[in-house]
Amino acid sequence: MGCNAIRTSHNMPAPELIRACDELGMVVMAESFDEWKSAKVQNGYHKVFDEWAEKDLVNLVRHFRNNPSVVMWCIGNEVPD
């Protein structure tokens, strides 16, 4: 594939991806979402941010906290807030 790092995109990564990265020695930046309260698109995450942001982050971190490939957590990409 020609890389040694993966950035997941705006949602919880598949457990199979993280296991493969653990086995292959890849490093992963697990990204949670790309929208907070300001809308980027009409039906985006901003509509449920207040209700789900903390739950989604806790779920992401707890699920992958013991995987050696996950070396960084991201709470947003190109977020204007």
PDB file of N, CA and C in Angstrom:
ATOM      1  N   MET A   1       0.824  -1.177   0.000  1.00  0.00           N
ATOM      2  CA  MET A   1       0.000   0.000   0.000  1.00  0.00           C
ATOM      3  C   MET A   1       0.873   1.247   0.000  1.00  0.00           C
ATOM      4  N   GLY A   2       2.081   1.153   0.494  1.00  0.00           N
ATOM      5  CA  GLY A   2       2.987   2.292   0.449  1.00  0.00           C
ATOM      6  C   GLY A   2       2.813   3.315   1.553  1.00  0.00           C
ATOM      7  N   CYS A   3       2.303   2.909   2.707  1.00  0.00           N
ATOM      8  CA  CYS A   3       2.174   3.849   3.825  1.00  0.00           C
ATOM      9  C   CYS A   3       2.362   3.103   5.138  1.00  0.00           C
ATOM     10  N   ASN A   4       2.525   3.870   6.202  1.00  0.00           N
ATOM     11  CA  ASN A   4       2.653   3.242   7.513  1.00  0.00           C
ATOM     12  C   ASN A   4       1.693   3.845   8.528  1.00  0.00           C
ATOM     13  N   ALA A   5       0.781   4.703   8.046  1.00  0.00           N
ATOM     14  CA  ALA A   5      -0.195   5.333   8.932  1.00  0.00           C
ATOM     15  C   ALA A   5      -1.533   5.469   8.217  1.00  0.00           C
ATOM     16  N   ILE A   6      -2.601   5.412   9.006  1.00  0.00           N
ATOM     17  CA  ILE A   6      -3.955   5.541   8.473  1.00  0.00           C
ATOM     18  C   ILE A   6      -4.712   6.539   9.331  1.00  0.00           C
ATOM     19  N   ARG A   7      -5.440   7.425   8.683  1.00  0.00           N
ATOM     20  CA  ARG A   7      -6.375   8.318   9.363  1.00  0.00           C
ATOM     21  C   ARG A   7      -7.774   7.828   9.027  1.00  0.00           C
ATOM     22  N   THR A   8      -8.538   7.451  10.050  1.00  0.00           N
ATOM     23  CA  THR A   8      -9.903   7.019   9.781  1.00  0.00           C
ATOM     24  C   THR A   8     -10.738   8.254   9.457  1.00  0.00           C
ATOM     25  N   SER A   9     -11.894   8.034   8.875  1.00  0.00           N
ATOM     26  CA  SER A   9     -12.650   9.189   8.404  1.00  0.00           C
ATOM     27  C   SER A   9     -14.004   9.345   9.068  1.00  0.00           C
ATOM     28  N   HIS A  10     -14.076  10.253  10.021  1.00  0.00           N
ATOM     29  CA  HIS A  10     -15.315  10.811  10.536  1.00  0.00           C
ATOM     30  C   HIS A  10     -16.294   9.830  11.153  1.00  0.00           C
ATOM     31  N   ASN A  11     -15.835   8.691  11.555  1.00  0.00           N
ATOM     32  CA  ASN A  11     -16.723   7.733  12.214  1.00  0.00           C
ATOM     33  C   ASN A  11     -15.893   6.636  12.855  1.00  0.00           C
ATOM     34  N   MET A  12     -16.566   5.776  13.565  1.00  0.00           N
ATOM     35  CA  MET A  12     -15.883   4.671  14.238  1.00  0.00           C
ATOM     36  C   MET A  12     -15.317   3.700  13.203  1.00  0.00           C
ATOM     37  N   PRO A  13     -14.023   3.409  13.272  1.00  0.00           N
ATOM     38  CA  PRO A  13     -13.456   2.463  12.308  1.00  0.00           C
ATOM     39  C   PRO A  13     -13.893   1.032  12.594  1.00  0.00           C
ATOM     40  N   ALA A  14     -13.835   0.223  11.589  1.00  0.00           N
ATOM     41  CA  ALA A  14     -14.171  -1.194  11.758  1.00  0.00           C
ATOM     42  C   ALA A  14     -13.127  -1.860  12.646  1.00  0.00           C
ATOM     43  N   PRO A  15     -13.550  -2.700  13.575  1.00  0.00           N
ATOM     44  CA  PRO A  15     -12.597  -3.406  14.436  1.00  0.00           C
ATOM     45  C   PRO A  15     -11.586  -4.222  13.625  1.00  0.00           C
ATOM     46  N   GLU A  16     -12.018  -4.747  12.474  1.00  0.00           N
ATOM     47  CA  GLU A  16     -11.113  -5.522  11.618  1.00  0.00           C
ATOM     48  C   GLU A  16      -9.967  -4.664  11.094  1.00  0.00           C
ATOM     49  N   LEU A  17     -10.251  -3.410  10.777  1.00  0.00           N
ATOM     50  CA  LEU A  17      -9.200  -2.496  10.316  1.00  0.00           C
ATOM     51  C   LEU A  17      -8.173  -2.274  11.415  1.00  0.00           C
ATOM     52  N   ILE A  18      -8.646  -2.012  12.620  1.00  0.00           N
ATOM     53  CA  ILE A  18      -7.723  -1.754  13.732  1.00  0.00           C
ATOM     54  C   ILE A  18      -6.913  -3.003  14.061  1.00  0.00           C
ATOM     55  N   ARG A  19      -7.541  -4.179  14.048  1.00  0.00           N
ATOM     56  CA  ARG A  19      -6.786  -5.427  14.288  1.00  0.00           C
ATOM     57  C   ARG A  19      -5.723  -5.630  13.221  1.00  0.00           C
ATOM     58  N   ALA A  20      -6.055  -5.373  11.974  1.00  0.00           N
ATOM     59  CA  ALA A  20      -5.071  -5.513  10.892  1.00  0.00           C
ATOM     60  C   ALA A  20      -3.915  -4.541  11.100  1.00  0.00           C
ATOM     61  N   CYS A  21      -4.218  -3.310  11.498  1.00  0.00           N
ATOM     62  CA  CYS A  21      -3.160  -2.330  11.755  1.00  0.00           C
ATOM     63  C   CYS A  21      -2.285  -2.770  12.929  1.00  0.00           C
ATOM     64  N   ASP A  22      -2.891  -3.333  13.963  1.00  0.00           N
ATOM     65  CA  ASP A  22      -2.115  -3.863  15.089  1.00  0.00           C
ATOM     66  C   ASP A  22      -1.146  -4.940  14.602  1.00  0.00           C
ATOM     67  N   GLU A  23      -1.644  -5.850  13.790  1.00  0.00           N
ATOM     68  CA  GLU A  23      -0.831  -6.971  13.310  1.00  0.00           C
ATOM     69  C   GLU A  23       0.269  -6.529  12.346  1.00  0.00           C
ATOM     70  N   LEU A  24      -0.007  -5.527  11.532  1.00  0.00           N
ATOM     71  CA  LEU A  24       0.951  -5.084  10.518  1.00  0.00           C
ATOM     72  C   LEU A  24       1.905  -3.993  11.006  1.00  0.00           C
ATOM     73  N   GLY A  25       1.670  -3.483  12.211  1.00  0.00           N
ATOM     74  CA  GLY A  25       2.542  -2.435  12.732  1.00  0.00           C
ATOM     75  C   GLY A  25       2.237  -1.064  12.165  1.00  0.00           C
ATOM     76  N   MET A  26       1.039  -0.867  11.686  1.00  0.00           N
ATOM     77  CA  MET A  26       0.619   0.444  11.188  1.00  0.00           C
ATOM     78  C   MET A  26       0.249   1.323  12.380  1.00  0.00           C
ATOM     79  N   VAL A  27       0.255   2.637  12.192  1.00  0.00           N
ATOM     80  CA  VAL A  27      -0.238   3.554  13.213  1.00  0.00           C
ATOM     81  C   VAL A  27      -1.527   4.189  12.705  1.00  0.00           C
ATOM     82  N   VAL A  28      -2.425   4.478  13.646  1.00  0.00           N
ATOM     83  CA  VAL A  28      -3.755   4.961  13.288  1.00  0.00           C
ATOM     84  C   VAL A  28      -4.095   6.223  14.055  1.00  0.00           C
ATOM     85  N   MET A  29      -4.668   7.195  13.342  1.00  0.00           N
ATOM     86  CA  MET A  29      -5.309   8.342  13.968  1.00  0.00           C
ATOM     87  C   MET A  29      -6.808   8.096  13.852  1.00  0.00           C
ATOM     88  N   ALA A  30      -7.459   7.859  14.964  1.00  0.00           N
ATOM     89  CA  ALA A  30      -8.896   7.582  14.969  1.00  0.00           C
ATOM     90  C   ALA A  30      -9.648   8.908  15.046  1.00  0.00           C
ATOM     91  N   GLU A  31     -10.384   9.196  13.992  1.00  0.00           N
ATOM     92  CA  GLU A  31     -11.112  10.466  13.907  1.00  0.00           C
ATOM     93  C   GLU A  31     -12.582  10.252  14.223  1.00  0.00           C
ATOM     94  N   SER A  32     -13.137  11.160  15.009  1.00  0.00           N
ATOM     95  CA  SER A  32     -14.509  10.986  15.467  1.00  0.00           C
ATOM     96  C   SER A  32     -15.555  11.566  14.514  1.00  0.00           C
ATOM     97  N   PHE A  33     -15.473  12.837  14.198  1.00  0.00           N
ATOM     98  CA  PHE A  33     -16.457  13.453  13.312  1.00  0.00           C
ATOM     99  C   PHE A  33     -15.851  14.682  12.652  1.00  0.00           C
ATOM    100  N   ASP A  34     -16.500  15.192  11.612  1.00  0.00           N
ATOM    101  CA  ASP A  34     -15.977  16.362  10.906  1.00  0.00           C
ATOM    102  C   ASP A  34     -16.931  17.545  10.974  1.00  0.00           C
ATOM    103  N   GLU A  35     -17.860  17.486  11.903  1.00  0.00           N
ATOM    104  CA  GLU A  35     -18.816  18.581  12.049  1.00  0.00           C
ATOM    105  C   GLU A  35     -19.224  18.662  13.506  1.00  0.00           C
ATOM    106  N   TRP A  36     -19.199  19.871  14.064  1.00  0.00           N
ATOM    107  CA  TRP A  36     -19.673  20.066  15.421  1.00  0.00           C
ATOM    108  C   TRP A  36     -21.051  20.706  15.364  1.00  0.00           C
ATOM    109  N   LYS A  37     -21.177  21.918  15.864  1.00  0.00           N
ATOM    110  CA  LYS A  37     -22.493  22.581  15.867  1.00  0.00           C
ATOM    111  C   LYS A  37     -22.772  23.372  14.602  1.00  0.00           C
ATOM    112  N   SER A  38     -21.733  23.796  13.913  1.00  0.00           N
ATOM    113  CA  SER A  38     -21.925  24.527  12.661  1.00  0.00           C
ATOM    114  C   SER A  38     -22.116  23.541  11.519  1.00  0.00           C
ATOM    115  N   ALA A  39     -23.110  23.810  10.716  1.00  0.00           N
ATOM    116  CA  ALA A  39     -23.448  22.898   9.618  1.00  0.00           C
ATOM    117  C   ALA A  39     -22.472  23.033   8.458  1.00  0.00           C
ATOM    118  N   LYS A  40     -22.043  21.890   7.937  1.00  0.00           N
ATOM    119  CA  LYS A  40     -21.286  21.828   6.680  1.00  0.00           C
ATOM    120  C   LYS A  40     -22.221  21.379   5.565  1.00  0.00           C
ATOM    121  N   VAL A  41     -23.117  20.487   5.929  1.00  0.00           N
ATOM    122  CA  VAL A  41     -24.118  19.973   4.993  1.00  0.00           C
ATOM    123  C   VAL A  41     -25.479  20.019   5.691  1.00  0.00           C
ATOM    124  N   GLN A  42     -26.525  19.950   4.925  1.00  0.00           N
ATOM    125  CA  GLN A  42     -27.869  20.118   5.464  1.00  0.00           C
ATOM    126  C   GLN A  42     -28.240  19.075   6.518  1.00  0.00           C
ATOM    127  N   ASN A  43     -27.960  17.827   6.276  1.00  0.00           N
ATOM    128  CA  ASN A  43     -28.342  16.769   7.207  1.00  0.00           C
ATOM    129  C   ASN A  43     -27.136  16.152   7.901  1.00  0.00           C
ATOM    130  N   GLY A  44     -26.231  16.994   8.377  1.00  0.00           N
ATOM    131  CA  GLY A  44     -24.997  16.514   8.973  1.00  0.00           C
ATOM    132  C   GLY A  44     -25.091  16.246  10.466  1.00  0.00           C
ATOM    133  N   TYR A  45     -23.927  15.936  11.029  1.00  0.00           N
ATOM    134  CA  TYR A  45     -23.806  15.563  12.444  1.00  0.00           C
ATOM    135  C   TYR A  45     -24.206  16.706  13.373  1.00  0.00           C
ATOM    136  N   HIS A  46     -24.169  17.946  12.874  1.00  0.00           N
ATOM    137  CA  HIS A  46     -24.524  19.099  13.713  1.00  0.00           C
ATOM    138  C   HIS A  46     -25.922  18.965  14.318  1.00  0.00           C
ATOM    139  N   LYS A  47     -26.789  18.229  13.656  1.00  0.00           N
ATOM    140  CA  LYS A  47     -28.160  18.068  14.151  1.00  0.00           C
ATOM    141  C   LYS A  47     -28.226  17.231  15.430  1.00  0.00           C
ATOM    142  N   VAL A  48     -27.253  16.375  15.647  1.00  0.00           N
ATOM    143  CA  VAL A  48     -27.264  15.508  16.832  1.00  0.00           C
ATOM    144  C   VAL A  48     -26.036  15.714  17.711  1.00  0.00           C
ATOM    145  N   PHE A  49     -25.236  16.734  17.407  1.00  0.00           N
ATOM    146  CA  PHE A  49     -23.971  16.937  18.115  1.00  0.00           C
ATOM    147  C   PHE A  49     -24.165  17.013  19.630  1.00  0.00           C
ATOM    148  N   ASP A  50     -25.065  17.864  20.085  1.00  0.00           N
ATOM    149  CA  ASP A  50     -25.246  18.032  21.534  1.00  0.00           C
ATOM    150  C   ASP A  50     -25.634  16.729  22.228  1.00  0.00           C
ATOM    151  N   GLU A  51     -26.431  15.936  21.586  1.00  0.00           N
ATOM    152  CA  GLU A  51     -26.905  14.694  22.192  1.00  0.00           C
ATOM    153  C   GLU A  51     -25.897  13.552  22.085  1.00  0.00           C
ATOM    154  N   TRP A  52     -25.118  13.489  20.998  1.00  0.00           N
ATOM    155  CA  TRP A  52     -24.310  12.304  20.721  1.00  0.00           C
ATOM    156  C   TRP A  52     -22.793  12.483  20.775  1.00  0.00           C
ATOM    157  N   ALA A  53     -22.285  13.685  20.756  1.00  0.00           N
ATOM    158  CA  ALA A  53     -20.829  13.879  20.665  1.00  0.00           C
ATOM    159  C   ALA A  53     -20.078  13.189  21.804  1.00  0.00           C
ATOM    160  N   GLU A  54     -20.473  13.425  23.036  1.00  0.00           N
ATOM    161  CA  GLU A  54     -19.765  12.810  24.164  1.00  0.00           C
ATOM    162  C   GLU A  54     -19.899  11.290  24.133  1.00  0.00           C
ATOM    163  N   LYS A  55     -21.105  10.791  23.866  1.00  0.00           N
ATOM    164  CA  LYS A  55     -21.324   9.344  23.809  1.00  0.00           C
ATOM    165  C   LYS A  55     -20.459   8.705  22.724  1.00  0.00           C
ATOM    166  N   ASP A  56     -20.412   9.337  21.555  1.00  0.00           N
ATOM    167  CA  ASP A  56     -19.626   8.786  20.456  1.00  0.00           C
ATOM    168  C   ASP A  56     -18.135   8.797  20.758  1.00  0.00           C
ATOM    169  N   LEU A  57     -17.644   9.879  21.372  1.00  0.00           N
ATOM    170  CA  LEU A  57     -16.222   9.943  21.723  1.00  0.00           C
ATOM    171  C   LEU A  57     -15.850   8.912  22.783  1.00  0.00           C
ATOM    172  N   VAL A  58     -16.678   8.792  23.802  1.00  0.00           N
ATOM    173  CA  VAL A  58     -16.420   7.803  24.856  1.00  0.00           C
ATOM    174  C   VAL A  58     -16.397   6.397  24.253  1.00  0.00           C
ATOM    175  N   ASN A  59     -17.342   6.116  23.394  1.00  0.00           N
ATOM    176  CA  ASN A  59     -17.406   4.800  22.752  1.00  0.00           C
ATOM    177  C   ASN A  59     -16.150   4.536  21.920  1.00  0.00           C
ATOM    178  N   LEU A  60     -15.720   5.512  21.144  1.00  0.00           N
ATOM    179  CA  LEU A  60     -14.529   5.360  20.305  1.00  0.00           C
ATOM    180  C   LEU A  60     -13.281   5.096  21.154  1.00  0.00           C
ATOM    181  N   VAL A  61     -13.077   5.908  22.164  1.00  0.00           N
ATOM    182  CA  VAL A  61     -11.871   5.768  22.996  1.00  0.00           C
ATOM    183  C   VAL A  61     -11.893   4.461  23.788  1.00  0.00           C
ATOM    184  N   ARG A  62     -13.006   4.142  24.392  1.00  0.00           N
ATOM    185  CA  ARG A  62     -13.084   2.898  25.172  1.00  0.00           C
ATOM    186  C   ARG A  62     -12.894   1.665  24.300  1.00  0.00           C
ATOM    187  N   HIS A  63     -13.442   1.716  23.093  1.00  0.00           N
ATOM    188  CA  HIS A  63     -13.368   0.545  22.223  1.00  0.00           C
ATOM    189  C   HIS A  63     -11.940   0.254  21.759  1.00  0.00           C
ATOM    190  N   PHE A  64     -11.151   1.300  21.496  1.00  0.00           N
ATOM    191  CA  PHE A  64      -9.823   1.096  20.905  1.00  0.00           C
ATOM    192  C   PHE A  64      -8.668   1.542  21.796  1.00  0.00           C
ATOM    193  N   ARG A  65      -8.916   1.824  23.064  1.00  0.00           N
ATOM    194  CA  ARG A  65      -7.857   2.358  23.931  1.00  0.00           C
ATOM    195  C   ARG A  65      -6.701   1.397  24.162  1.00  0.00           C
ATOM    196  N   ASN A  66      -6.908   0.100  24.019  1.00  0.00           N
ATOM    197  CA  ASN A  66      -5.840  -0.865  24.252  1.00  0.00           C
ATOM    198  C   ASN A  66      -5.199  -1.392  22.971  1.00  0.00           C
ATOM    199  N   ASN A  67      -5.539  -0.804  21.845  1.00  0.00           N
ATOM    200  CA  ASN A  67      -4.937  -1.225  20.583  1.00  0.00           C
ATOM    201  C   ASN A  67      -3.654  -0.431  20.351  1.00  0.00           C
ATOM    202  N   PRO A  68      -2.526  -1.115  20.195  1.00  0.00           N
ATOM    203  CA  PRO A  68      -1.257  -0.409  20.038  1.00  0.00           C
ATOM    204  C   PRO A  68      -1.166   0.426  18.769  1.00  0.00           C
ATOM    205  N   SER A  69      -1.972   0.125  17.771  1.00  0.00           N
ATOM    206  CA  SER A  69      -1.895   0.896  16.524  1.00  0.00           C
ATOM    207  C   SER A  69      -2.518   2.281  16.660  1.00  0.00           C
ATOM    208  N   VAL A  70      -3.461   2.456  17.570  1.00  0.00           N
ATOM    209  CA  VAL A  70      -4.117   3.759  17.733  1.00  0.00           C
ATOM    210  C   VAL A  70      -3.228   4.642  18.594  1.00  0.00           C
ATOM    211  N   VAL A  71      -2.599   5.607  17.953  1.00  0.00           N
ATOM    212  CA  VAL A  71      -1.641   6.466  18.641  1.00  0.00           C
ATOM    213  C   VAL A  71      -2.142   7.903  18.790  1.00  0.00           C
ATOM    214  N   MET A  72      -3.289   8.209  18.164  1.00  0.00           N
ATOM    215  CA  MET A  72      -3.790   9.571  18.198  1.00  0.00           C
ATOM    216  C   MET A  72      -5.310   9.560  18.028  1.00  0.00           C
ATOM    217  N   TRP A  73      -5.959  10.483  18.718  1.00  0.00           N
ATOM    218  CA  TRP A  73      -7.400  10.655  18.606  1.00  0.00           C
ATOM    219  C   TRP A  73      -7.659  12.024  17.995  1.00  0.00           C
ATOM    220  N   CYS A  74      -8.643  12.112  17.139  1.00  0.00           N
ATOM    221  CA  CYS A  74      -8.975  13.383  16.497  1.00  0.00           C
ATOM    222  C   CYS A  74     -10.438  13.707  16.779  1.00  0.00           C
ATOM    223  N   ILE A  75     -10.709  14.928  17.231  1.00  0.00           N
ATOM    224  CA  ILE A  75     -12.085  15.304  17.539  1.00  0.00           C
ATOM    225  C   ILE A  75     -12.713  16.167  16.454  1.00  0.00           C
ATOM    226  N   GLY A  76     -12.088  16.247  15.316  1.00  0.00           N
ATOM    227  CA  GLY A  76     -12.688  16.989  14.214  1.00  0.00           C
ATOM    228  C   GLY A  76     -11.699  17.319  13.133  1.00  0.00           C
ATOM    229  N   ASN A  77     -12.205  17.401  11.913  1.00  0.00           N
ATOM    230  CA  ASN A  77     -11.384  17.705  10.754  1.00  0.00           C
ATOM    231  C   ASN A  77     -12.033  18.872  10.012  1.00  0.00           C
ATOM    232  N   GLU A  78     -11.286  19.931   9.843  1.00  0.00           N
ATOM    233  CA  GLU A  78     -11.795  21.121   9.156  1.00  0.00           C
ATOM    234  C   GLU A  78     -13.080  21.626   9.808  1.00  0.00           C
ATOM    235  N   VAL A  79     -13.099  21.668  11.136  1.00  0.00           N
ATOM    236  CA  VAL A  79     -14.254  22.115  11.888  1.00  0.00           C
ATOM    237  C   VAL A  79     -14.145  23.625  12.111  1.00  0.00           C
ATOM    238  N   PRO A  80     -15.131  24.379  11.642  1.00  0.00           N
ATOM    239  CA  PRO A  80     -15.033  25.842  11.784  1.00  0.00           C
ATOM    240  C   PRO A  80     -15.334  26.375  13.183  1.00  0.00           C
ATOM    241  N   ASP A  81     -15.896  25.558  14.065  1.00  0.00           N
ATOM    242  CA  ASP A  81     -16.280  26.022  15.404  1.00  0.00           C
ATOM    243  C   ASP A  81     -15.059  26.362  16.233  1.00  0.00           C
TER     244      ASP A  81
END
